[in-house]
Amino acid sequence: MAETHVLSALTKKRAEVSGEIKQYEKLLKQSKLNLQSIDQTIHIFDDSYDLRTIKAKRVHKKRYFKTGEAKVLILDMLRTATEPLSTNAIGKKIAFNRGLDKKVNFDTNRFQKIIFASLERCENNGLIERVGKDGLAIVWQIKA
């Protein structure tokens, strides 16, 4: 018989991915409707305009932080914390404070990778240190 904790984790992950698919399908449907509206508006101004001549523009990933902003937010959070914080806790608090956790196209995994990379840079610069683990997450504090 399969391990129940493995099945539990897999069913949870499947539900999460399924929800993401529904979210992206909804976003895609809305984007197609927006494109149709724009095409119709173009044809109002010039009925003979060939829409195939308009090339798709590459969409850049949304930036969550300005240059150096993540570092400042992380250091402020660790300075005011009463105890060391895990990578997950830091990411969740910053996302919550900025209202990102409620946005439809918020990429939690990408956001956490950015937070972790900023934490590692702070550690390499001697500003913070690892003080343990909370499950798989690293726990951080300001370096004494």
N, C-alpha and C. Protein backbone atom coordinates (compact mmCIF):
# COMPACT_ATOMS: atom_id res chain seq x y z
N MET A 1 0.84 -1.19 0.00
CA MET A 1 0.00 0.00 0.00
C MET A 1 0.88 1.25 0.00
N ALA A 2 0.44 2.24 -0.72
CA ALA A 2 1.21 3.49 -0.83
C ALA A 2 1.24 4.21 0.51
N GLU A 3 2.29 4.98 0.70
CA GLU A 3 2.45 5.77 1.91
C GLU A 3 1.39 6.88 1.92
N THR A 4 0.65 6.98 3.02
CA THR A 4 -0.44 7.97 3.09
C THR A 4 0.08 9.40 3.05
N HIS A 5 1.25 9.67 3.66
CA HIS A 5 1.77 11.03 3.65
C HIS A 5 2.19 11.45 2.24
N VAL A 6 2.66 10.49 1.46
CA VAL A 6 3.05 10.79 0.07
C VAL A 6 1.80 11.09 -0.74
N LEU A 7 0.77 10.26 -0.59
CA LEU A 7 -0.49 10.49 -1.31
C LEU A 7 -1.12 11.80 -0.89
N SER A 8 -1.08 12.10 0.37
CA SER A 8 -1.64 13.35 0.87
C SER A 8 -0.93 14.55 0.25
N ALA A 9 0.39 14.51 0.22
CA ALA A 9 1.16 15.61 -0.37
C ALA A 9 0.89 15.72 -1.86
N LEU A 10 0.81 14.59 -2.55
CA LEU A 10 0.57 14.61 -3.99
C LEU A 10 -0.83 15.11 -4.33
N THR A 11 -1.84 14.71 -3.55
CA THR A 11 -3.20 15.20 -3.82
C THR A 11 -3.29 16.70 -3.54
N LYS A 12 -2.58 17.16 -2.51
CA LYS A 12 -2.56 18.60 -2.22
C LYS A 12 -1.90 19.37 -3.36
N LYS A 13 -0.79 18.84 -3.86
CA LYS A 13 -0.07 19.47 -4.97
C LYS A 13 -0.92 19.46 -6.23
N ARG A 14 -1.62 18.34 -6.48
CA ARG A 14 -2.48 18.23 -7.66
C ARG A 14 -3.59 19.28 -7.61
N ALA A 15 -4.19 19.45 -6.44
CA ALA A 15 -5.25 20.44 -6.28
C ALA A 15 -4.71 21.85 -6.54
N GLU A 16 -3.50 22.10 -6.07
CA GLU A 16 -2.86 23.41 -6.27
C GLU A 16 -2.60 23.67 -7.76
N VAL A 17 -2.04 22.69 -8.46
CA VAL A 17 -1.75 22.84 -9.89
C VAL A 17 -3.04 22.98 -10.68
N SER A 18 -4.05 22.21 -10.31
CA SER A 18 -5.35 22.30 -10.97
C SER A 18 -5.94 23.70 -10.80
N GLY A 19 -5.81 24.26 -9.62
CA GLY A 19 -6.29 25.62 -9.37
C GLY A 19 -5.52 26.64 -10.20
N GLU A 20 -4.22 26.45 -10.33
CA GLU A 20 -3.41 27.35 -11.16
C GLU A 20 -3.85 27.29 -12.61
N ILE A 21 -4.13 26.08 -13.10
CA ILE A 21 -4.57 25.91 -14.49
C ILE A 21 -5.88 26.67 -14.70
N LYS A 22 -6.83 26.52 -13.78
CA LYS A 22 -8.11 27.23 -13.90
C LYS A 22 -7.89 28.74 -13.89
N GLN A 23 -6.98 29.20 -13.04
CA GLN A 23 -6.67 30.62 -12.93
C GLN A 23 -6.09 31.15 -14.24
N TYR A 24 -5.14 30.39 -14.83
CA TYR A 24 -4.52 30.82 -16.07
C TYR A 24 -5.49 30.73 -17.25
N GLU A 25 -6.37 29.74 -17.23
CA GLU A 25 -7.38 29.64 -18.29
C GLU A 25 -8.31 30.85 -18.24
N LYS A 26 -8.68 31.27 -17.04
CA LYS A 26 -9.53 32.45 -16.87
C LYS A 26 -8.81 33.69 -17.38
N LEU A 27 -7.54 33.82 -17.04
CA LEU A 27 -6.73 34.95 -17.50
C LEU A 27 -6.59 34.94 -19.02
N LEU A 28 -6.37 33.75 -19.59
CA LEU A 28 -6.25 33.62 -21.04
C LEU A 28 -7.55 34.01 -21.74
N LYS A 29 -8.68 33.55 -21.20
CA LYS A 29 -9.98 33.88 -21.78
C LYS A 29 -10.20 35.39 -21.77
N GLN A 30 -9.88 36.05 -20.66
CA GLN A 30 -10.05 37.49 -20.56
C GLN A 30 -9.12 38.23 -21.52
N SER A 31 -7.89 37.73 -21.65
CA SER A 31 -6.94 38.35 -22.58
C SER A 31 -7.41 38.23 -24.02
N LYS A 32 -8.00 37.09 -24.38
CA LYS A 32 -8.52 36.92 -25.74
C LYS A 32 -9.69 37.87 -26.00
N LEU A 33 -10.55 38.06 -25.00
CA LEU A 33 -11.66 39.01 -25.14
C LEU A 33 -11.13 40.43 -25.31
N ASN A 34 -10.11 40.78 -24.53
CA ASN A 34 -9.50 42.10 -24.65
C ASN A 34 -8.90 42.31 -26.04
N LEU A 35 -8.24 41.27 -26.56
CA LEU A 35 -7.63 41.36 -27.88
C LEU A 35 -8.69 41.55 -28.96
N GLN A 36 -9.81 40.83 -28.84
CA GLN A 36 -10.91 40.98 -29.80
C GLN A 36 -11.44 42.41 -29.79
N SER A 37 -11.59 42.96 -28.60
CA SER A 37 -12.10 44.33 -28.48
C SER A 37 -11.15 45.33 -29.14
N ILE A 38 -9.85 45.12 -28.92
CA ILE A 38 -8.85 46.01 -29.52
C ILE A 38 -8.88 45.87 -31.03
N ASP A 39 -8.98 44.64 -31.53
CA ASP A 39 -9.04 44.41 -32.98
C ASP A 39 -10.26 45.11 -33.59
N GLN A 40 -11.40 45.00 -32.92
CA GLN A 40 -12.61 45.64 -33.42
C GLN A 40 -12.47 47.16 -33.43
N THR A 41 -11.83 47.69 -32.42
CA THR A 41 -11.62 49.14 -32.35
C THR A 41 -10.69 49.60 -33.46
N ILE A 42 -9.65 48.84 -33.74
CA ILE A 42 -8.75 49.17 -34.85
C ILE A 42 -9.53 49.21 -36.15
N HIS A 43 -10.42 48.23 -36.35
CA HIS A 43 -11.20 48.17 -37.59
C HIS A 43 -12.24 49.29 -37.68
N ILE A 44 -12.62 49.86 -36.56
CA ILE A 44 -13.52 51.02 -36.61
C ILE A 44 -12.80 52.19 -37.27
N PHE A 45 -11.51 52.35 -36.94
CA PHE A 45 -10.73 53.45 -37.49
C PHE A 45 -10.22 53.17 -38.91
N ASP A 46 -9.91 51.89 -39.18
CA ASP A 46 -9.41 51.52 -40.51
C ASP A 46 -9.85 50.09 -40.79
N ASP A 47 -10.94 49.97 -41.56
CA ASP A 47 -11.54 48.66 -41.82
C ASP A 47 -10.63 47.73 -42.62
N SER A 48 -9.69 48.29 -43.36
CA SER A 48 -8.82 47.47 -44.20
C SER A 48 -7.48 47.12 -43.53
N TYR A 49 -7.31 47.52 -42.29
CA TYR A 49 -6.04 47.28 -41.60
C TYR A 49 -5.80 45.78 -41.43
N ASP A 50 -4.62 45.32 -41.80
CA ASP A 50 -4.26 43.90 -41.70
C ASP A 50 -3.66 43.64 -40.31
N LEU A 51 -4.42 43.03 -39.46
CA LEU A 51 -3.98 42.78 -38.07
C LEU A 51 -2.82 41.79 -37.99
N ARG A 52 -2.63 40.99 -39.05
CA ARG A 52 -1.52 40.03 -39.06
C ARG A 52 -0.16 40.71 -39.12
N THR A 53 -0.15 41.99 -39.48
CA THR A 53 1.12 42.72 -39.55
C THR A 53 1.61 43.15 -38.16
N ILE A 54 0.75 43.02 -37.16
CA ILE A 54 1.13 43.40 -35.79
C ILE A 54 1.76 42.19 -35.12
N LYS A 55 3.03 42.30 -34.83
CA LYS A 55 3.74 41.18 -34.19
C LYS A 55 3.52 41.20 -32.68
N ALA A 56 3.44 40.02 -32.12
CA ALA A 56 3.29 39.90 -30.67
C ALA A 56 4.54 40.43 -29.97
N LYS A 57 4.32 41.14 -28.91
CA LYS A 57 5.42 41.71 -28.15
C LYS A 57 5.74 40.80 -26.97
N ARG A 58 7.01 40.57 -26.74
CA ARG A 58 7.43 39.73 -25.62
C ARG A 58 7.05 40.39 -24.30
N VAL A 59 6.44 39.62 -23.43
CA VAL A 59 6.03 40.13 -22.14
C VAL A 59 7.13 39.81 -21.13
N HIS A 60 7.57 40.84 -20.43
CA HIS A 60 8.59 40.64 -19.42
C HIS A 60 7.93 40.21 -18.11
N LYS A 61 8.65 39.37 -17.37
CA LYS A 61 8.12 38.95 -16.08
C LYS A 61 7.95 40.15 -15.18
N LYS A 62 6.91 40.09 -14.38
CA LYS A 62 6.63 41.18 -13.47
C LYS A 62 7.70 41.22 -12.39
N ARG A 63 8.22 42.39 -12.15
CA ARG A 63 9.21 42.56 -11.09
C ARG A 63 8.48 42.83 -9.79
N TYR A 64 8.88 42.12 -8.77
CA TYR A 64 8.27 42.32 -7.47
C TYR A 64 8.97 43.41 -6.66
N PHE A 65 10.24 43.68 -6.98
CA PHE A 65 11.03 44.65 -6.22
C PHE A 65 11.83 45.53 -7.16
N LYS A 66 12.09 46.75 -6.71
CA LYS A 66 13.06 47.61 -7.37
C LYS A 66 14.44 47.12 -6.95
N THR A 67 15.48 47.58 -7.61
CA THR A 67 16.83 47.15 -7.28
C THR A 67 17.16 47.46 -5.82
N GLY A 68 17.56 46.44 -5.08
CA GLY A 68 17.96 46.59 -3.68
C GLY A 68 16.81 46.65 -2.69
N GLU A 69 15.58 46.71 -3.17
CA GLU A 69 14.43 46.84 -2.28
C GLU A 69 14.20 45.60 -1.43
N ALA A 70 14.37 44.42 -2.00
CA ALA A 70 14.15 43.18 -1.25
C ALA A 70 15.12 43.12 -0.07
N LYS A 71 16.36 43.47 -0.30
CA LYS A 71 17.38 43.46 0.75
C LYS A 71 16.97 44.37 1.90
N VAL A 72 16.52 45.58 1.59
CA VAL A 72 16.11 46.54 2.62
C VAL A 72 14.93 46.00 3.43
N LEU A 73 13.94 45.45 2.73
CA LEU A 73 12.76 44.91 3.42
C LEU A 73 13.13 43.74 4.33
N ILE A 74 13.99 42.87 3.83
CA ILE A 74 14.43 41.72 4.62
C ILE A 74 15.19 42.17 5.86
N LEU A 75 16.14 43.07 5.68
CA LEU A 75 16.93 43.54 6.83
C LEU A 75 16.06 44.27 7.85
N ASP A 76 15.12 45.08 7.39
CA ASP A 76 14.20 45.75 8.32
C ASP A 76 13.38 44.74 9.10
N MET A 77 12.91 43.72 8.41
CA MET A 77 12.10 42.70 9.07
C MET A 77 12.91 41.94 10.12
N LEU A 78 14.13 41.56 9.77
CA LEU A 78 14.97 40.83 10.72
C LEU A 78 15.40 41.71 11.90
N ARG A 79 15.61 43.00 11.66
CA ARG A 79 15.99 43.92 12.74
C ARG A 79 14.88 44.08 13.76
N THR A 80 13.64 44.12 13.30
CA THR A 80 12.51 44.35 14.20
C THR A 80 11.92 43.06 14.77
N ALA A 81 12.36 41.93 14.28
CA ALA A 81 11.83 40.64 14.75
C ALA A 81 12.35 40.35 16.16
N THR A 82 11.49 39.73 16.96
CA THR A 82 11.88 39.36 18.32
C THR A 82 12.61 38.03 18.36
N GLU A 83 12.55 37.30 17.26
CA GLU A 83 13.24 36.01 17.18
C GLU A 83 13.65 35.78 15.73
N PRO A 84 14.58 34.85 15.49
CA PRO A 84 14.97 34.55 14.10
C PRO A 84 13.76 34.12 13.27
N LEU A 85 13.80 34.40 11.97
CA LEU A 85 12.69 34.09 11.07
C LEU A 85 13.12 33.14 9.97
N SER A 86 12.19 32.28 9.56
CA SER A 86 12.48 31.35 8.47
C SER A 86 12.32 32.06 7.13
N THR A 87 12.91 31.46 6.11
CA THR A 87 12.79 31.99 4.75
C THR A 87 11.32 32.11 4.38
N ASN A 88 10.54 31.08 4.68
CA ASN A 88 9.11 31.09 4.35
C ASN A 88 8.37 32.21 5.06
N ALA A 89 8.66 32.40 6.35
CA ALA A 89 7.98 33.44 7.12
C ALA A 89 8.32 34.82 6.57
N ILE A 90 9.57 35.03 6.22
CA ILE A 90 9.99 36.32 5.66
C ILE A 90 9.25 36.59 4.35
N GLY A 91 9.24 35.60 3.46
CA GLY A 91 8.56 35.75 2.17
C GLY A 91 7.08 36.00 2.33
N LYS A 92 6.43 35.26 3.21
CA LYS A 92 4.98 35.42 3.42
C LYS A 92 4.65 36.79 4.00
N LYS A 93 5.45 37.26 4.95
CA LYS A 93 5.19 38.56 5.55
C LYS A 93 5.38 39.69 4.55
N ILE A 94 6.43 39.61 3.75
CA ILE A 94 6.67 40.66 2.75
C ILE A 94 5.56 40.64 1.70
N ALA A 95 5.17 39.46 1.24
CA ALA A 95 4.09 39.36 0.25
C ALA A 95 2.79 39.91 0.82
N PHE A 96 2.50 39.59 2.08
CA PHE A 96 1.28 40.08 2.73
C PHE A 96 1.32 41.60 2.88
N ASN A 97 2.44 42.13 3.35
CA ASN A 97 2.57 43.57 3.56
C ASN A 97 2.41 44.36 2.26
N ARG A 98 2.81 43.77 1.16
CA ARG A 98 2.71 44.44 -0.15
C ARG A 98 1.40 44.10 -0.87
N GLY A 99 0.58 43.22 -0.29
CA GLY A 99 -0.68 42.84 -0.90
C GLY A 99 -0.53 41.92 -2.11
N LEU A 100 0.65 41.33 -2.25
CA LEU A 100 0.90 40.48 -3.41
C LEU A 100 0.20 39.13 -3.30
N ASP A 101 0.02 38.64 -2.08
CA ASP A 101 -0.56 37.32 -1.88
C ASP A 101 -2.01 37.22 -2.37
N LYS A 102 -2.65 38.35 -2.59
CA LYS A 102 -4.05 38.36 -3.04
C LYS A 102 -4.18 38.55 -4.54
N LYS A 103 -3.06 38.82 -5.23
CA LYS A 103 -3.11 39.07 -6.67
C LYS A 103 -3.28 37.75 -7.42
N VAL A 104 -4.01 37.81 -8.52
CA VAL A 104 -4.34 36.62 -9.30
C VAL A 104 -3.09 35.97 -9.90
N ASN A 105 -2.18 36.76 -10.43
CA ASN A 105 -1.02 36.19 -11.12
C ASN A 105 0.23 36.18 -10.25
N PHE A 106 0.05 36.12 -8.93
CA PHE A 106 1.19 36.09 -8.01
C PHE A 106 1.84 34.71 -8.07
N ASP A 107 3.13 34.69 -8.39
CA ASP A 107 3.89 33.45 -8.50
C ASP A 107 4.67 33.23 -7.20
N THR A 108 4.09 32.45 -6.29
CA THR A 108 4.68 32.23 -4.97
C THR A 108 6.07 31.63 -5.06
N ASN A 109 6.24 30.64 -5.91
CA ASN A 109 7.54 29.98 -6.03
C ASN A 109 8.62 30.95 -6.50
N ARG A 110 8.32 31.73 -7.51
CA ARG A 110 9.29 32.71 -8.02
C ARG A 110 9.61 33.76 -6.95
N PHE A 111 8.57 34.21 -6.25
CA PHE A 111 8.75 35.21 -5.20
C PHE A 111 9.67 34.67 -4.09
N GLN A 112 9.43 33.43 -3.67
CA GLN A 112 10.25 32.83 -2.61
C GLN A 112 11.70 32.65 -3.08
N LYS A 113 11.90 32.35 -4.36
CA LYS A 113 13.26 32.22 -4.89
C LYS A 113 13.98 33.57 -4.84
N ILE A 114 13.25 34.64 -5.13
CA ILE A 114 13.84 35.98 -5.07
C ILE A 114 14.22 36.30 -3.62
N ILE A 115 13.34 35.99 -2.68
CA ILE A 115 13.61 36.24 -1.27
C ILE A 115 14.84 35.44 -0.83
N PHE A 116 14.89 34.16 -1.21
CA PHE A 116 16.03 33.33 -0.81
C PHE A 116 17.33 33.86 -1.40
N ALA A 117 17.31 34.26 -2.66
CA ALA A 117 18.52 34.80 -3.30
C ALA A 117 18.98 36.06 -2.58
N SER A 118 18.03 36.91 -2.19
CA SER A 118 18.38 38.13 -1.45
C SER A 118 18.96 37.80 -0.08
N LEU A 119 18.38 36.80 0.58
CA LEU A 119 18.91 36.35 1.87
C LEU A 119 20.34 35.84 1.73
N GLU A 120 20.59 35.06 0.69
CA GLU A 120 21.95 34.54 0.47
C GLU A 120 22.94 35.67 0.20
N ARG A 121 22.51 36.68 -0.57
CA ARG A 121 23.41 37.82 -0.82
C ARG A 121 23.70 38.58 0.47
N CYS A 122 22.69 38.74 1.31
CA CYS A 122 22.89 39.40 2.61
C CYS A 122 23.85 38.59 3.47
N GLU A 123 23.72 37.27 3.41
CA GLU A 123 24.62 36.40 4.18
C GLU A 123 26.05 36.52 3.63
N ASN A 124 26.20 36.51 2.33
CA ASN A 124 27.53 36.63 1.71
C ASN A 124 28.19 37.97 2.03
N ASN A 125 27.38 39.00 2.25
CA ASN A 125 27.89 40.32 2.61
C ASN A 125 28.11 40.47 4.11
N GLY A 126 27.86 39.39 4.87
CA GLY A 126 28.10 39.41 6.31
C GLY A 126 27.06 40.17 7.11
N LEU A 127 25.86 40.36 6.55
CA LEU A 127 24.82 41.11 7.25
C LEU A 127 23.92 40.23 8.10
N ILE A 128 23.68 39.01 7.64
CA ILE A 128 22.82 38.08 8.37
C ILE A 128 23.51 36.72 8.44
N GLU A 129 22.92 35.84 9.25
CA GLU A 129 23.48 34.49 9.37
C GLU A 129 22.36 33.47 9.52
N ARG A 130 22.70 32.25 9.14
CA ARG A 130 21.78 31.11 9.31
C ARG A 130 21.94 30.62 10.74
N VAL A 131 20.81 30.40 11.40
CA VAL A 131 20.88 29.95 12.79
C VAL A 131 20.19 28.61 13.01
N GLY A 132 19.69 28.02 11.95
CA GLY A 132 19.04 26.72 12.10
C GLY A 132 18.09 26.46 10.96
N LYS A 133 17.22 25.48 11.20
CA LYS A 133 16.22 25.11 10.20
C LYS A 133 14.87 24.93 10.87
N ASP A 134 13.83 25.23 10.11
CA ASP A 134 12.46 25.00 10.53
C ASP A 134 11.86 24.09 9.46
N GLY A 135 11.98 22.78 9.68
CA GLY A 135 11.63 21.82 8.63
C GLY A 135 12.69 21.91 7.55
N LEU A 136 12.30 22.25 6.33
CA LEU A 136 13.24 22.43 5.24
C LEU A 136 13.68 23.89 5.07
N ALA A 137 12.98 24.79 5.75
CA ALA A 137 13.28 26.23 5.61
C ALA A 137 14.43 26.62 6.53
N ILE A 138 15.28 27.50 6.04
CA ILE A 138 16.41 28.03 6.81
C ILE A 138 15.90 29.15 7.70
N VAL A 139 16.44 29.23 8.90
CA VAL A 139 16.08 30.28 9.84
C VAL A 139 17.23 31.29 9.88
N TRP A 140 16.89 32.59 9.83
CA TRP A 140 17.85 33.67 9.69
C TRP A 140 17.74 34.68 10.84
N GLN A 141 18.86 35.36 11.09
CA GLN A 141 18.86 36.49 12.02
C GLN A 141 19.96 37.46 11.60
N ILE A 142 19.87 38.68 12.12
CA ILE A 142 20.91 39.67 11.89
C ILE A 142 22.19 39.18 12.55
N LYS A 143 23.29 39.33 11.84
CA LYS A 143 24.58 38.87 12.37
C LYS A 143 25.01 39.77 13.53
N ALA A 144 25.43 39.13 14.60
CA ALA A 144 25.84 39.89 15.80
C ALA A 144 27.17 40.58 15.61
